[in-house]
Amino acid sequence: MSLGKKDIVKNISSKAQISSSLSSKILEGFLKIVSTESKNNPVKISNFGTFYYHKTPKRLGRNPKTKEEFVIGSRLKLSLKVSSNIRDLIN
């Protein structure tokens, strides 16, 4: 099961009994804070996990239609290391 932003917004608005536009602003604000703050240092949320950026190396990519190869450059990716509490809850 996967959740998109719309699903998360719907869950926030129903649980908190607020409008979906307000819950959308809350979610966007949270994501913006996490992405900007974790560029400097990892952002840890107790009993949830740690958000951090890591650098991926450049790699060779391929267009599946044309089989044309090209280089995908290195980039920074935002990742989440889930806490043991969440991991135990899921498994």
PDB file of N, CA and C in Angstrom:
ATOM      1  N   MET A   1       0.847  -1.179   0.000  1.00  0.00           N
ATOM      2  CA  MET A   1       0.000   0.000   0.000  1.00  0.00           C
ATOM      3  C   MET A   1       0.889   1.238   0.000  1.00  0.00           C
ATOM      4  N   SER A   2       0.581   2.167  -0.864  1.00  0.00           N
ATOM      5  CA  SER A   2       1.330   3.420  -0.888  1.00  0.00           C
ATOM      6  C   SER A   2       0.361   4.581  -0.674  1.00  0.00           C
ATOM      7  N   LEU A   3       0.883   5.637  -0.088  1.00  0.00           N
ATOM      8  CA  LEU A   3       0.090   6.831   0.158  1.00  0.00           C
ATOM      9  C   LEU A   3       0.678   7.982  -0.639  1.00  0.00           C
ATOM     10  N   GLY A   4      -0.161   8.685  -1.339  1.00  0.00           N
ATOM     11  CA  GLY A   4       0.247   9.892  -2.033  1.00  0.00           C
ATOM     12  C   GLY A   4      -0.058  11.097  -1.170  1.00  0.00           C
ATOM     13  N   LYS A   5       0.337  12.264  -1.650  1.00  0.00           N
ATOM     14  CA  LYS A   5       0.071  13.484  -0.897  1.00  0.00           C
ATOM     15  C   LYS A   5      -1.422  13.697  -0.680  1.00  0.00           C
ATOM     16  N   LYS A   6      -2.218  13.392  -1.699  1.00  0.00           N
ATOM     17  CA  LYS A   6      -3.672  13.574  -1.569  1.00  0.00           C
ATOM     18  C   LYS A   6      -4.231  12.696  -0.459  1.00  0.00           C
ATOM     19  N   ASP A   7      -3.741  11.455  -0.360  1.00  0.00           N
ATOM     20  CA  ASP A   7      -4.205  10.552   0.690  1.00  0.00           C
ATOM     21  C   ASP A   7      -3.812  11.060   2.069  1.00  0.00           C
ATOM     22  N   ILE A   8      -2.587  11.554   2.191  1.00  0.00           N
ATOM     23  CA  ILE A   8      -2.112  12.077   3.474  1.00  0.00           C
ATOM     24  C   ILE A   8      -2.904  13.316   3.865  1.00  0.00           C
ATOM     25  N   VAL A   9      -3.165  14.205   2.897  1.00  0.00           N
ATOM     26  CA  VAL A   9      -3.961  15.409   3.167  1.00  0.00           C
ATOM     27  C   VAL A   9      -5.359  15.024   3.620  1.00  0.00           C
ATOM     28  N   LYS A  10      -5.946  14.041   2.963  1.00  0.00           N
ATOM     29  CA  LYS A  10      -7.287  13.592   3.336  1.00  0.00           C
ATOM     30  C   LYS A  10      -7.301  13.022   4.752  1.00  0.00           C
ATOM     31  N   ASN A  11      -6.272  12.238   5.099  1.00  0.00           N
ATOM     32  CA  ASN A  11      -6.186  11.674   6.450  1.00  0.00           C
ATOM     33  C   ASN A  11      -6.009  12.756   7.499  1.00  0.00           C
ATOM     34  N   ILE A  12      -5.153  13.742   7.224  1.00  0.00           N
ATOM     35  CA  ILE A  12      -4.943  14.835   8.180  1.00  0.00           C
ATOM     36  C   ILE A  12      -6.232  15.605   8.384  1.00  0.00           C
ATOM     37  N   SER A  13      -6.925  15.928   7.300  1.00  0.00           N
ATOM     38  CA  SER A  13      -8.140  16.736   7.432  1.00  0.00           C
ATOM     39  C   SER A  13      -9.246  15.979   8.159  1.00  0.00           C
ATOM     40  N   SER A  14      -9.354  14.667   7.949  1.00  0.00           N
ATOM     41  CA  SER A  14     -10.409  13.920   8.636  1.00  0.00           C
ATOM     42  C   SER A  14     -10.081  13.692  10.106  1.00  0.00           C
ATOM     43  N   LYS A  15      -8.819  13.401  10.418  1.00  0.00           N
ATOM     44  CA  LYS A  15      -8.438  13.139  11.817  1.00  0.00           C
ATOM     45  C   LYS A  15      -8.449  14.420  12.643  1.00  0.00           C
ATOM     46  N   ALA A  16      -7.961  15.521  12.066  1.00  0.00           N
ATOM     47  CA  ALA A  16      -7.882  16.780  12.801  1.00  0.00           C
ATOM     48  C   ALA A  16      -9.138  17.626  12.633  1.00  0.00           C
ATOM     49  N   GLN A  17     -10.060  17.188  11.787  1.00  0.00           N
ATOM     50  CA  GLN A  17     -11.300  17.896  11.510  1.00  0.00           C
ATOM     51  C   GLN A  17     -11.038  19.339  11.065  1.00  0.00           C
ATOM     52  N   ILE A  18     -10.150  19.462  10.073  1.00  0.00           N
ATOM     53  CA  ILE A  18      -9.840  20.751   9.478  1.00  0.00           C
ATOM     54  C   ILE A  18     -10.051  20.627   7.969  1.00  0.00           C
ATOM     55  N   SER A  19     -10.022  21.764   7.280  1.00  0.00           N
ATOM     56  CA  SER A  19     -10.247  21.738   5.837  1.00  0.00           C
ATOM     57  C   SER A  19      -9.056  21.097   5.124  1.00  0.00           C
ATOM     58  N   SER A  20      -9.320  20.566   3.954  1.00  0.00           N
ATOM     59  CA  SER A  20      -8.246  19.911   3.207  1.00  0.00           C
ATOM     60  C   SER A  20      -7.220  20.924   2.702  1.00  0.00           C
ATOM     61  N   SER A  21      -7.644  22.162   2.453  1.00  0.00           N
ATOM     62  CA  SER A  21      -6.675  23.172   2.018  1.00  0.00           C
ATOM     63  C   SER A  21      -5.700  23.508   3.149  1.00  0.00           C
ATOM     64  N   LEU A  22      -6.192  23.564   4.376  1.00  0.00           N
ATOM     65  CA  LEU A  22      -5.316  23.826   5.515  1.00  0.00           C
ATOM     66  C   LEU A  22      -4.386  22.648   5.767  1.00  0.00           C
ATOM     67  N   SER A  23      -4.915  21.432   5.661  1.00  0.00           N
ATOM     68  CA  SER A  23      -4.061  20.264   5.873  1.00  0.00           C
ATOM     69  C   SER A  23      -3.024  20.146   4.766  1.00  0.00           C
ATOM     70  N   SER A  24      -3.353  20.587   3.548  1.00  0.00           N
ATOM     71  CA  SER A  24      -2.382  20.602   2.460  1.00  0.00           C
ATOM     72  C   SER A  24      -1.258  21.591   2.758  1.00  0.00           C
ATOM     73  N   LYS A  25      -1.609  22.760   3.292  1.00  0.00           N
ATOM     74  CA  LYS A  25      -0.594  23.749   3.664  1.00  0.00           C
ATOM     75  C   LYS A  25       0.293  23.222   4.780  1.00  0.00           C
ATOM     76  N   ILE A  26      -0.290  22.497   5.735  1.00  0.00           N
ATOM     77  CA  ILE A  26       0.485  21.916   6.830  1.00  0.00           C
ATOM     78  C   ILE A  26       1.479  20.899   6.288  1.00  0.00           C
ATOM     79  N   LEU A  27       1.024  20.026   5.414  1.00  0.00           N
ATOM     80  CA  LEU A  27       1.898  19.003   4.841  1.00  0.00           C
ATOM     81  C   LEU A  27       3.010  19.632   4.014  1.00  0.00           C
ATOM     82  N   GLU A  28       2.678  20.594   3.162  1.00  0.00           N
ATOM     83  CA  GLU A  28       3.694  21.254   2.338  1.00  0.00           C
ATOM     84  C   GLU A  28       4.713  21.982   3.208  1.00  0.00           C
ATOM     85  N   GLY A  29       4.246  22.618   4.276  1.00  0.00           N
ATOM     86  CA  GLY A  29       5.158  23.295   5.199  1.00  0.00           C
ATOM     87  C   GLY A  29       6.099  22.318   5.881  1.00  0.00           C
ATOM     88  N   PHE A  30       5.566  21.192   6.316  1.00  0.00           N
ATOM     89  CA  PHE A  30       6.388  20.162   6.951  1.00  0.00           C
ATOM     90  C   PHE A  30       7.456  19.643   5.988  1.00  0.00           C
ATOM     91  N   LEU A  31       7.050  19.335   4.763  1.00  0.00           N
ATOM     92  CA  LEU A  31       8.002  18.812   3.777  1.00  0.00           C
ATOM     93  C   LEU A  31       9.073  19.842   3.431  1.00  0.00           C
ATOM     94  N   LYS A  32       8.685  21.117   3.357  1.00  0.00           N
ATOM     95  CA  LYS A  32       9.646  22.169   3.055  1.00  0.00           C
ATOM     96  C   LYS A  32      10.660  22.326   4.183  1.00  0.00           C
ATOM     97  N   ILE A  33      10.185  22.286   5.427  1.00  0.00           N
ATOM     98  CA  ILE A  33      11.084  22.396   6.578  1.00  0.00           C
ATOM     99  C   ILE A  33      12.058  21.233   6.603  1.00  0.00           C
ATOM    100  N   VAL A  34      11.548  20.022   6.407  1.00  0.00           N
ATOM    101  CA  VAL A  34      12.406  18.841   6.451  1.00  0.00           C
ATOM    102  C   VAL A  34      13.452  18.903   5.345  1.00  0.00           C
ATOM    103  N   SER A  35      13.051  19.268   4.142  1.00  0.00           N
ATOM    104  CA  SER A  35      14.009  19.267   3.024  1.00  0.00           C
ATOM    105  C   SER A  35      15.062  20.354   3.177  1.00  0.00           C
ATOM    106  N   THR A  36      14.695  21.528   3.665  1.00  0.00           N
ATOM    107  CA  THR A  36      15.687  22.595   3.796  1.00  0.00           C
ATOM    108  C   THR A  36      16.599  22.372   4.996  1.00  0.00           C
ATOM    109  N   GLU A  37      16.044  21.943   6.116  1.00  0.00           N
ATOM    110  CA  GLU A  37      16.855  21.754   7.314  1.00  0.00           C
ATOM    111  C   GLU A  37      17.787  20.560   7.210  1.00  0.00           C
ATOM    112  N   SER A  38      17.382  19.520   6.487  1.00  0.00           N
ATOM    113  CA  SER A  38      18.224  18.329   6.416  1.00  0.00           C
ATOM    114  C   SER A  38      19.384  18.504   5.446  1.00  0.00           C
ATOM    115  N   LYS A  39      19.427  19.602   4.690  1.00  0.00           N
ATOM    116  CA  LYS A  39      20.588  19.857   3.834  1.00  0.00           C
ATOM    117  C   LYS A  39      21.816  20.136   4.686  1.00  0.00           C
ATOM    118  N   ASN A  40      21.627  20.745   5.848  1.00  0.00           N
ATOM    119  CA  ASN A  40      22.744  21.055   6.746  1.00  0.00           C
ATOM    120  C   ASN A  40      23.049  19.892   7.679  1.00  0.00           C
ATOM    121  N   ASN A  41      22.038  19.409   8.364  1.00  0.00           N
ATOM    122  CA  ASN A  41      22.188  18.328   9.336  1.00  0.00           C
ATOM    123  C   ASN A  41      20.998  17.392   9.214  1.00  0.00           C
ATOM    124  N   PRO A  42      21.169  16.128   9.600  1.00  0.00           N
ATOM    125  CA  PRO A  42      20.014  15.219   9.595  1.00  0.00           C
ATOM    126  C   PRO A  42      18.916  15.724  10.529  1.00  0.00           C
ATOM    127  N   VAL A  43      17.655  15.518  10.133  1.00  0.00           N
ATOM    128  CA  VAL A  43      16.512  15.924  10.944  1.00  0.00           C
ATOM    129  C   VAL A  43      15.925  14.666  11.566  1.00  0.00           C
ATOM    130  N   LYS A  44      15.980  14.594  12.908  1.00  0.00           N
ATOM    131  CA  LYS A  44      15.487  13.415  13.610  1.00  0.00           C
ATOM    132  C   LYS A  44      14.137  13.734  14.233  1.00  0.00           C
ATOM    133  N   ILE A  45      13.169  12.875  13.974  1.00  0.00           N
ATOM    134  CA  ILE A  45      11.859  12.967  14.604  1.00  0.00           C
ATOM    135  C   ILE A  45      11.736  11.740  15.495  1.00  0.00           C
ATOM    136  N   SER A  46      11.642  11.963  16.798  1.00  0.00           N
ATOM    137  CA  SER A  46      11.636  10.861  17.757  1.00  0.00           C
ATOM    138  C   SER A  46      10.521   9.881  17.461  1.00  0.00           C
ATOM    139  N   ASN A  47      10.824   8.610  17.593  1.00  0.00           N
ATOM    140  CA  ASN A  47       9.901   7.494  17.366  1.00  0.00           C
ATOM    141  C   ASN A  47       9.356   7.446  15.943  1.00  0.00           C
ATOM    142  N   PHE A  48       9.999   8.144  15.010  1.00  0.00           N
ATOM    143  CA  PHE A  48       9.578   8.086  13.607  1.00  0.00           C
ATOM    144  C   PHE A  48      10.755   7.754  12.702  1.00  0.00           C
ATOM    145  N   GLY A  49      11.784   8.612  12.707  1.00  0.00           N
ATOM    146  CA  GLY A  49      12.941   8.347  11.873  1.00  0.00           C
ATOM    147  C   GLY A  49      13.797   9.579  11.674  1.00  0.00           C
ATOM    148  N   THR A  50      14.808   9.430  10.832  1.00  0.00           N
ATOM    149  CA  THR A  50      15.755  10.497  10.551  1.00  0.00           C
ATOM    150  C   THR A  50      15.794  10.773   9.057  1.00  0.00           C
ATOM    151  N   PHE A  51      15.576  12.031   8.690  1.00  0.00           N
ATOM    152  CA  PHE A  51      15.677  12.467   7.302  1.00  0.00           C
ATOM    153  C   PHE A  51      17.095  12.977   7.072  1.00  0.00           C
ATOM    154  N   TYR A  52      17.719  12.563   5.975  1.00  0.00           N
ATOM    155  CA  TYR A  52      19.060  13.011   5.652  1.00  0.00           C
ATOM    156  C   TYR A  52      19.260  12.998   4.142  1.00  0.00           C
ATOM    157  N   TYR A  53      20.199  13.823   3.682  1.00  0.00           N
ATOM    158  CA  TYR A  53      20.568  13.841   2.270  1.00  0.00           C
ATOM    159  C   TYR A  53      21.805  12.976   2.083  1.00  0.00           C
ATOM    160  N   HIS A  54      21.841  12.240   0.993  1.00  0.00           N
ATOM    161  CA  HIS A  54      23.058  11.518   0.626  1.00  0.00           C
ATOM    162  C   HIS A  54      23.314  11.694  -0.865  1.00  0.00           C
ATOM    163  N   LYS A  55      24.591  11.633  -1.220  1.00  0.00           N
ATOM    164  CA  LYS A  55      24.994  11.855  -2.598  1.00  0.00           C
ATOM    165  C   LYS A  55      25.026  10.522  -3.341  1.00  0.00           C
ATOM    166  N   THR A  56      24.342  10.472  -4.486  1.00  0.00           N
ATOM    167  CA  THR A  56      24.373   9.268  -5.316  1.00  0.00           C
ATOM    168  C   THR A  56      25.437   9.459  -6.391  1.00  0.00           C
ATOM    169  N   PRO A  57      26.173   8.420  -6.721  1.00  0.00           N
ATOM    170  CA  PRO A  57      27.215   8.559  -7.745  1.00  0.00           C
ATOM    171  C   PRO A  57      26.603   8.642  -9.136  1.00  0.00           C
ATOM    172  N   LYS A  58      27.400   9.131 -10.086  1.00  0.00           N
ATOM    173  CA  LYS A  58      26.902   9.145 -11.460  1.00  0.00           C
ATOM    174  C   LYS A  58      26.824   7.709 -11.961  1.00  0.00           C
ATOM    175  N   ARG A  59      25.891   7.483 -12.890  1.00  0.00           N
ATOM    176  CA  ARG A  59      25.675   6.127 -13.375  1.00  0.00           C
ATOM    177  C   ARG A  59      25.239   6.170 -14.827  1.00  0.00           C
ATOM    178  N   LEU A  60      25.252   5.007 -15.418  1.00  0.00           N
ATOM    179  CA  LEU A  60      24.872   4.880 -16.815  1.00  0.00           C
ATOM    180  C   LEU A  60      23.384   4.564 -16.899  1.00  0.00           C
ATOM    181  N   GLY A  61      22.635   5.374 -17.659  1.00  0.00           N
ATOM    182  CA  GLY A  61      21.210   5.150 -17.863  1.00  0.00           C
ATOM    183  C   GLY A  61      20.945   4.730 -19.291  1.00  0.00           C
ATOM    184  N   ARG A  62      19.763   4.172 -19.522  1.00  0.00           N
ATOM    185  CA  ARG A  62      19.433   3.695 -20.859  1.00  0.00           C
ATOM    186  C   ARG A  62      17.964   3.978 -21.143  1.00  0.00           C
ATOM    187  N   ASN A  63      17.686   4.525 -22.329  1.00  0.00           N
ATOM    188  CA  ASN A  63      16.324   4.726 -22.779  1.00  0.00           C
ATOM    189  C   ASN A  63      15.795   3.364 -23.233  1.00  0.00           C
ATOM    190  N   PRO A  64      14.727   2.853 -22.598  1.00  0.00           N
ATOM    191  CA  PRO A  64      14.256   1.521 -22.949  1.00  0.00           C
ATOM    192  C   PRO A  64      13.716   1.396 -24.378  1.00  0.00           C
ATOM    193  N   LYS A  65      13.204   2.490 -24.938  1.00  0.00           N
ATOM    194  CA  LYS A  65      12.677   2.423 -26.305  1.00  0.00           C
ATOM    195  C   LYS A  65      13.793   2.372 -27.337  1.00  0.00           C
ATOM    196  N   THR A  66      14.720   3.323 -27.222  1.00  0.00           N
ATOM    197  CA  THR A  66      15.756   3.444 -28.248  1.00  0.00           C
ATOM    198  C   THR A  66      17.048   2.723 -27.884  1.00  0.00           C
ATOM    199  N   LYS A  67      17.156   2.242 -26.671  1.00  0.00           N
ATOM    200  CA  LYS A  67      18.369   1.594 -26.153  1.00  0.00           C
ATOM    201  C   LYS A  67      19.570   2.536 -26.139  1.00  0.00           C
ATOM    202  N   GLU A  68      19.300   3.840 -26.256  1.00  0.00           N
ATOM    203  CA  GLU A  68      20.374   4.828 -26.225  1.00  0.00           C
ATOM    204  C   GLU A  68      20.882   4.979 -24.802  1.00  0.00           C
ATOM    205  N   GLU A  69      22.203   4.955 -24.620  1.00  0.00           N
ATOM    206  CA  GLU A  69      22.800   5.091 -23.301  1.00  0.00           C
ATOM    207  C   GLU A  69      23.209   6.535 -23.059  1.00  0.00           C
ATOM    208  N   PHE A  70      23.121   6.959 -21.791  1.00  0.00           N
ATOM    209  CA  PHE A  70      23.539   8.296 -21.408  1.00  0.00           C
ATOM    210  C   PHE A  70      23.942   8.267 -19.944  1.00  0.00           C
ATOM    211  N   VAL A  71      24.692   9.282 -19.531  1.00  0.00           N
ATOM    212  CA  VAL A  71      25.192   9.357 -18.159  1.00  0.00           C
ATOM    213  C   VAL A  71      24.219  10.172 -17.312  1.00  0.00           C
ATOM    214  N   ILE A  72      23.818   9.601 -16.190  1.00  0.00           N
ATOM    215  CA  ILE A  72      23.005  10.310 -15.207  1.00  0.00           C
ATOM    216  C   ILE A  72      23.978  10.830 -14.153  1.00  0.00           C
ATOM    217  N   GLY A  73      24.037  12.128 -13.985  1.00  0.00           N
ATOM    218  CA  GLY A  73      24.997  12.749 -13.072  1.00  0.00           C
ATOM    219  C   GLY A  73      24.717  12.447 -11.616  1.00  0.00           C
ATOM    220  N   SER A  74      25.705  12.718 -10.774  1.00  0.00           N
ATOM    221  CA  SER A  74      25.514  12.519  -9.339  1.00  0.00           C
ATOM    222  C   SER A  74      24.574  13.597  -8.815  1.00  0.00           C
ATOM    223  N   ARG A  75      23.841  13.268  -7.770  1.00  0.00           N
ATOM    224  CA  ARG A  75      22.871  14.204  -7.209  1.00  0.00           C
ATOM    225  C   ARG A  75      22.658  13.909  -5.733  1.00  0.00           C
ATOM    226  N   LEU A  76      22.022  14.846  -5.059  1.00  0.00           N
ATOM    227  CA  LEU A  76      21.662  14.664  -3.661  1.00  0.00           C
ATOM    228  C   LEU A  76      20.236  14.153  -3.576  1.00  0.00           C
ATOM    229  N   LYS A  77      20.030  13.132  -2.753  1.00  0.00           N
ATOM    230  CA  LYS A  77      18.696  12.581  -2.565  1.00  0.00           C
ATOM    231  C   LYS A  77      18.330  12.636  -1.087  1.00  0.00           C
ATOM    232  N   LEU A  78      17.083  12.994  -0.821  1.00  0.00           N
ATOM    233  CA  LEU A  78      16.573  12.996   0.541  1.00  0.00           C
ATOM    234  C   LEU A  78      16.113  11.590   0.875  1.00  0.00           C
ATOM    235  N   SER A  79      16.588  11.065   2.007  1.00  0.00           N
ATOM    236  CA  SER A  79      16.238   9.708   2.419  1.00  0.00           C
ATOM    237  C   SER A  79      15.713   9.722   3.841  1.00  0.00           C
ATOM    238  N   LEU A  80      15.028   8.659   4.196  1.00  0.00           N
ATOM    239  CA  LEU A  80      14.485   8.488   5.538  1.00  0.00           C
ATOM    240  C   LEU A  80      14.964   7.158   6.081  1.00  0.00           C
ATOM    241  N   LYS A  81      15.600   7.206   7.245  1.00  0.00           N
ATOM    242  CA  LYS A  81      15.937   5.979   7.956  1.00  0.00           C
ATOM    243  C   LYS A  81      14.890   5.842   9.055  1.00  0.00           C
ATOM    244  N   VAL A  82      14.055   4.830   8.921  1.00  0.00           N
ATOM    245  CA  VAL A  82      12.912   4.657   9.812  1.00  0.00           C
ATOM    246  C   VAL A  82      13.389   4.155  11.169  1.00  0.00           C
ATOM    247  N   SER A  83      12.745   4.636  12.249  1.00  0.00           N
ATOM    248  CA  SER A  83      13.108   4.190  13.589  1.00  0.00           C
ATOM    249  C   SER A  83      12.683   2.751  13.806  1.00  0.00           C
ATOM    250  N   SER A  84      13.254   2.138  14.813  1.00  0.00           N
ATOM    251  CA  SER A  84      12.936   0.736  15.114  1.00  0.00           C
ATOM    252  C   SER A  84      11.477   0.573  15.527  1.00  0.00           C
ATOM    253  N   ASN A  85      10.893   1.604  16.144  1.00  0.00           N
ATOM    254  CA  ASN A  85       9.482   1.533  16.543  1.00  0.00           C
ATOM    255  C   ASN A  85       8.574   1.397  15.312  1.00  0.00           C
ATOM    256  N   ILE A  86       8.802   2.204  14.303  1.00  0.00           N
ATOM    257  CA  ILE A  86       8.010   2.153  13.075  1.00  0.00           C
ATOM    258  C   ILE A  86       8.293   0.851  12.334  1.00  0.00           C
ATOM    259  N   ARG A  87       9.554   0.448  12.294  1.00  0.00           N
ATOM    260  CA  ARG A  87       9.919  -0.784  11.598  1.00  0.00           C
ATOM    261  C   ARG A  87       9.214  -1.993  12.230  1.00  0.00           C
ATOM    262  N   ASP A  88       9.163  -2.033  13.561  1.00  0.00           N
ATOM    263  CA  ASP A  88       8.477  -3.125  14.249  1.00  0.00           C
ATOM    264  C   ASP A  88       6.975  -3.071  14.010  1.00  0.00           C
ATOM    265  N   LEU A  89       6.414  -1.867  13.937  1.00  0.00           N
ATOM    266  CA  LEU A  89       4.993  -1.707  13.689  1.00  0.00           C
ATOM    267  C   LEU A  89       4.610  -2.210  12.296  1.00  0.00           C
ATOM    268  N   ILE A  90       5.459  -1.928  11.317  1.00  0.00           N
ATOM    269  CA  ILE A  90       5.192  -2.356   9.938  1.00  0.00           C
ATOM    270  C   ILE A  90       5.349  -3.853   9.792  1.00  0.00           C
ATOM    271  N   ASN A  91       6.401  -4.402  10.357  1.00  0.00           N
ATOM    272  CA  ASN A  91       6.666  -5.841  10.229  1.00  0.00           C
ATOM    273  C   ASN A  91       5.926  -6.565  11.287  1.00  0.00           C
TER     274      ASN A  91
END
